Amino acid sequence: MLTKMTANAVPHVKLSSGLHLPMMGLGTSQFVNHQGASVPNLKGTREAVEYAIDIGYRHVDTAYSYGNEAEIGTAIRNKIQQGVIKREDLIVTTKLFHNLHRADVNNVDFRTPDLVLGSIKKSLKNLQLDYVDLYLIHA
């Protein structure tokens, strides 16, 4: 069993924006069900995120394509409501799936910002957050 760590125990990188990004975070892509199937273990994901926050993790990484953003959002909301963390103490990363920033029509590549905006709005709704700290393109 892991022991509780303090936020200061994890090395950080200071970004030009002033944000301190923990160099260690919780990745959530590989949570599968107890039978080992490649479907999201949603309850396990929520529990793992809650536990990670309890022991001091302050960076959570997810992606829309993992299918678990809603459970991660519930875990974060629970920990905020319990007074364990404040939203501003947590770094949340999610990702735009690689094919959702362009559309190919008749072999012509069109950049489509509307797809990006729609995708981040879905992620924010799923995560029950007003913002994410880092939004990446998932290749």
C-alpha atoms as a PDB file:
ATOM      1  CA  MET A   1       0.000   0.000   0.000  1.00  0.00           C
ATOM      2  CA  LEU A   2       1.314   3.433  -0.865  1.00  0.00           C
ATOM      3  CA  THR A   3       1.784   5.991   1.832  1.00  0.00           C
ATOM      4  CA  LYS A   4       0.546   9.534   1.692  1.00  0.00           C
ATOM      5  CA  MET A   5       2.865  12.015   0.033  1.00  0.00           C
ATOM      6  CA  THR A   6       2.795  15.753   0.165  1.00  0.00           C
ATOM      7  CA  ALA A   7       2.417  17.885  -2.918  1.00  0.00           C
ATOM      8  CA  ASN A   8       5.879  19.305  -2.199  1.00  0.00           C
ATOM      9  CA  ALA A   9       7.412  15.808  -2.319  1.00  0.00           C
ATOM     10  CA  VAL A  10       6.725  15.480  -6.052  1.00  0.00           C
ATOM     11  CA  PRO A  11       9.122  17.423  -8.314  1.00  0.00           C
ATOM     12  CA  HIS A  12       7.446  20.164 -10.360  1.00  0.00           C
ATOM     13  CA  VAL A  13       8.280  22.026 -13.537  1.00  0.00           C
ATOM     14  CA  LYS A  14       7.379  25.709 -13.578  1.00  0.00           C
ATOM     15  CA  LEU A  15       5.798  26.634 -16.908  1.00  0.00           C
ATOM     16  CA  SER A  16       6.062  30.097 -18.476  1.00  0.00           C
ATOM     17  CA  SER A  17       2.459  30.722 -17.387  1.00  0.00           C
ATOM     18  CA  GLY A  18       3.541  30.305 -13.767  1.00  0.00           C
ATOM     19  CA  LEU A  19       1.746  26.960 -13.448  1.00  0.00           C
ATOM     20  CA  HIS A  20       3.652  24.333 -11.483  1.00  0.00           C
ATOM     21  CA  LEU A  21       3.233  21.007 -13.303  1.00  0.00           C
ATOM     22  CA  PRO A  22       3.911  17.902 -11.187  1.00  0.00           C
ATOM     23  CA  MET A  23       6.406  15.611 -12.930  1.00  0.00           C
ATOM     24  CA  MET A  24       4.474  12.578 -11.707  1.00  0.00           C
ATOM     25  CA  GLY A  25       0.803  12.050 -12.411  1.00  0.00           C
ATOM     26  CA  LEU A  26      -1.832   9.368 -12.598  1.00  0.00           C
ATOM     27  CA  GLY A  27      -2.454   8.000 -16.078  1.00  0.00           C
ATOM     28  CA  THR A  28      -5.895   6.469 -16.512  1.00  0.00           C
ATOM     29  CA  SER A  29      -5.838   4.703 -19.892  1.00  0.00           C
ATOM     30  CA  GLN A  30      -5.123   1.174 -18.727  1.00  0.00           C
ATOM     31  CA  PHE A  31      -7.858   0.642 -16.160  1.00  0.00           C
ATOM     32  CA  VAL A  32      -9.701  -2.435 -17.415  1.00  0.00           C
ATOM     33  CA  ASN A  33     -12.316  -4.654 -15.818  1.00  0.00           C
ATOM     34  CA  HIS A  34     -11.449  -7.441 -13.381  1.00  0.00           C
ATOM     35  CA  GLN A  35     -11.670 -10.059 -16.130  1.00  0.00           C
ATOM     36  CA  GLY A  36      -8.949  -8.265 -18.061  1.00  0.00           C
ATOM     37  CA  ALA A  37     -11.235  -7.179 -20.888  1.00  0.00           C
ATOM     38  CA  SER A  38     -10.300  -4.048 -22.789  1.00  0.00           C
ATOM     39  CA  VAL A  39     -13.355  -2.132 -21.659  1.00  0.00           C
ATOM     40  CA  PRO A  40     -13.038   0.648 -19.114  1.00  0.00           C
ATOM     41  CA  ASN A  41     -13.359  -0.445 -15.499  1.00  0.00           C
ATOM     42  CA  LEU A  42     -15.362   2.641 -14.604  1.00  0.00           C
ATOM     43  CA  LYS A  43     -15.858   1.981 -10.889  1.00  0.00           C
ATOM     44  CA  GLY A  44     -12.190   1.023 -10.584  1.00  0.00           C
ATOM     45  CA  THR A  45     -11.164   4.196 -12.371  1.00  0.00           C
ATOM     46  CA  ARG A  46     -13.174   6.387 -10.004  1.00  0.00           C
ATOM     47  CA  GLU A  47     -11.821   4.559  -6.961  1.00  0.00           C
ATOM     48  CA  ALA A  48      -8.221   4.740  -8.237  1.00  0.00           C
ATOM     49  CA  VAL A  49      -8.459   8.482  -8.885  1.00  0.00           C
ATOM     50  CA  GLU A  50     -10.001   9.100  -5.462  1.00  0.00           C
ATOM     51  CA  TYR A  51      -7.275   7.038  -3.790  1.00  0.00           C
ATOM     52  CA  ALA A  52      -4.543   8.775  -5.777  1.00  0.00           C
ATOM     53  CA  ILE A  53      -5.850  12.182  -4.708  1.00  0.00           C
ATOM     54  CA  ASP A  54      -6.066  10.976  -1.094  1.00  0.00           C
ATOM     55  CA  ILE A  55      -2.399   9.970  -1.069  1.00  0.00           C
ATOM     56  CA  GLY A  56      -1.209  13.178  -2.693  1.00  0.00           C
ATOM     57  CA  TYR A  57      -1.340  12.895  -6.472  1.00  0.00           C
ATOM     58  CA  ARG A  58      -2.162  16.282  -7.988  1.00  0.00           C
ATOM     59  CA  HIS A  59      -1.945  15.498 -11.718  1.00  0.00           C
ATOM     60  CA  VAL A  60      -4.542  13.308 -13.458  1.00  0.00           C
ATOM     61  CA  ASP A  61      -4.192  12.389 -17.127  1.00  0.00           C
ATOM     62  CA  THR A  62      -7.104  11.126 -19.216  1.00  0.00           C
ATOM     63  CA  ALA A  63      -8.546  11.342 -22.719  1.00  0.00           C
ATOM     64  CA  TYR A  64     -12.005  11.343 -24.247  1.00  0.00           C
ATOM     65  CA  SER A  65     -11.098   8.153 -26.114  1.00  0.00           C
ATOM     66  CA  TYR A  66     -10.487   6.262 -22.837  1.00  0.00           C
ATOM     67  CA  GLY A  67     -14.216   6.419 -22.103  1.00  0.00           C
ATOM     68  CA  ASN A  68     -13.690   7.279 -18.441  1.00  0.00           C
ATOM     69  CA  GLU A  69     -13.799  11.069 -18.203  1.00  0.00           C
ATOM     70  CA  ALA A  70     -17.158  11.074 -16.385  1.00  0.00           C
ATOM     71  CA  GLU A  71     -15.845   8.790 -13.639  1.00  0.00           C
ATOM     72  CA  ILE A  72     -12.703  10.874 -13.282  1.00  0.00           C
ATOM     73  CA  GLY A  73     -14.869  13.980 -13.027  1.00  0.00           C
ATOM     74  CA  THR A  74     -16.961  12.323 -10.321  1.00  0.00           C
ATOM     75  CA  ALA A  75     -13.831  11.370  -8.382  1.00  0.00           C
ATOM     76  CA  ILE A  76     -12.476  14.932  -8.590  1.00  0.00           C
ATOM     77  CA  ARG A  77     -15.828  16.417  -7.595  1.00  0.00           C
ATOM     78  CA  ASN A  78     -16.066  14.021  -4.628  1.00  0.00           C
ATOM     79  CA  LYS A  79     -12.620  15.012  -3.357  1.00  0.00           C
ATOM     80  CA  ILE A  80     -13.374  18.718  -3.756  1.00  0.00           C
ATOM     81  CA  GLN A  81     -16.658  18.300  -1.871  1.00  0.00           C
ATOM     82  CA  GLN A  82     -14.867  16.357   0.875  1.00  0.00           C
ATOM     83  CA  GLY A  83     -12.386  19.221   1.252  1.00  0.00           C
ATOM     84  CA  VAL A  84      -9.386  17.062   0.298  1.00  0.00           C
ATOM     85  CA  ILE A  85      -8.397  19.378  -2.564  1.00  0.00           C
ATOM     86  CA  LYS A  86      -9.406  22.588  -4.283  1.00  0.00           C
ATOM     87  CA  ARG A  87      -9.767  22.603  -8.060  1.00  0.00           C
ATOM     88  CA  GLU A  88      -6.808  24.960  -8.414  1.00  0.00           C
ATOM     89  CA  ASP A  89      -4.581  22.429  -6.599  1.00  0.00           C
ATOM     90  CA  LEU A  90      -5.123  19.800  -9.289  1.00  0.00           C
ATOM     91  CA  ILE A  91      -3.678  19.543 -12.787  1.00  0.00           C
ATOM     92  CA  VAL A  92      -6.063  17.815 -15.194  1.00  0.00           C
ATOM     93  CA  THR A  93      -4.912  16.742 -18.643  1.00  0.00           C
ATOM     94  CA  THR A  94      -7.183  15.381 -21.340  1.00  0.00           C
ATOM     95  CA  LYS A  95      -6.692  14.799 -25.019  1.00  0.00           C
ATOM     96  CA  LEU A  96      -8.256  15.434 -28.398  1.00  0.00           C
ATOM     97  CA  PHE A  97      -8.354  12.237 -30.435  1.00  0.00           C
ATOM     98  CA  HIS A  98      -6.056  12.624 -33.443  1.00  0.00           C
ATOM     99  CA  ASN A  99      -8.815  12.541 -36.057  1.00  0.00           C
ATOM    100  CA  LEU A 100     -11.008  15.180 -34.406  1.00  0.00           C
ATOM    101  CA  HIS A 101      -9.094  18.244 -35.549  1.00  0.00           C
ATOM    102  CA  ARG A 102      -9.474  17.747 -39.266  1.00  0.00           C
ATOM    103  CA  ALA A 103     -11.801  16.300 -41.835  1.00  0.00           C
ATOM    104  CA  ASP A 104     -10.712  14.678 -45.064  1.00  0.00           C
ATOM    105  CA  VAL A 105     -13.088  15.397 -47.939  1.00  0.00           C
ATOM    106  CA  ASN A 106     -12.217  14.015 -51.391  1.00  0.00           C
ATOM    107  CA  ASN A 107      -8.604  13.566 -50.246  1.00  0.00           C
ATOM    108  CA  VAL A 108      -8.372  17.233 -49.215  1.00  0.00           C
ATOM    109  CA  ASP A 109      -7.344  17.889 -45.627  1.00  0.00           C
ATOM    110  CA  PHE A 110      -9.532  20.560 -44.016  1.00  0.00           C
ATOM    111  CA  ARG A 111      -8.609  21.969 -40.609  1.00  0.00           C
ATOM    112  CA  THR A 112     -11.831  22.204 -38.656  1.00  0.00           C
ATOM    113  CA  PRO A 113     -11.628  24.154 -35.393  1.00  0.00           C
ATOM    114  CA  ASP A 114     -15.319  23.429 -34.756  1.00  0.00           C
ATOM    115  CA  LEU A 115     -14.473  19.765 -34.185  1.00  0.00           C
ATOM    116  CA  VAL A 116     -11.886  20.784 -31.583  1.00  0.00           C
ATOM    117  CA  LEU A 117     -14.293  23.112 -29.798  1.00  0.00           C
ATOM    118  CA  GLY A 118     -17.004  20.462 -29.731  1.00  0.00           C
ATOM    119  CA  SER A 119     -14.553  17.874 -28.385  1.00  0.00           C
ATOM    120  CA  ILE A 120     -13.258  20.027 -25.531  1.00  0.00           C
ATOM    121  CA  LYS A 121     -16.825  20.953 -24.590  1.00  0.00           C
ATOM    122  CA  LYS A 122     -17.700  17.240 -24.360  1.00  0.00           C
ATOM    123  CA  SER A 123     -14.633  16.580 -22.231  1.00  0.00           C
ATOM    124  CA  LEU A 124     -15.382  19.487 -19.895  1.00  0.00           C
ATOM    125  CA  LYS A 125     -18.961  18.283 -19.461  1.00  0.00           C
ATOM    126  CA  ASN A 126     -17.793  14.720 -18.799  1.00  0.00           C
ATOM    127  CA  LEU A 127     -15.152  15.887 -16.337  1.00  0.00           C
ATOM    128  CA  GLN A 128     -17.625  18.274 -14.657  1.00  0.00           C
ATOM    129  CA  LEU A 129     -14.988  21.016 -14.867  1.00  0.00           C
ATOM    130  CA  ASP A 130     -14.891  24.579 -16.149  1.00  0.00           C
ATOM    131  CA  TYR A 131     -11.386  24.123 -17.554  1.00  0.00           C
ATOM    132  CA  VAL A 132      -8.565  21.640 -18.046  1.00  0.00           C
ATOM    133  CA  ASP A 133      -4.978  22.593 -17.442  1.00  0.00           C
ATOM    134  CA  LEU A 134      -3.488  20.786 -20.415  1.00  0.00           C
ATOM    135  CA  TYR A 135      -5.216  19.744 -23.660  1.00  0.00           C
ATOM    136  CA  LEU A 136      -3.156  17.581 -26.015  1.00  0.00           C
ATOM    137  CA  ILE A 137      -3.687  15.930 -29.396  1.00  0.00           C
ATOM    138  CA  HIS A 138      -3.730  12.166 -28.852  1.00  0.00           C
ATOM    139  CA  ALA A 139      -1.769  10.487 -31.624  1.00  0.00           C
END
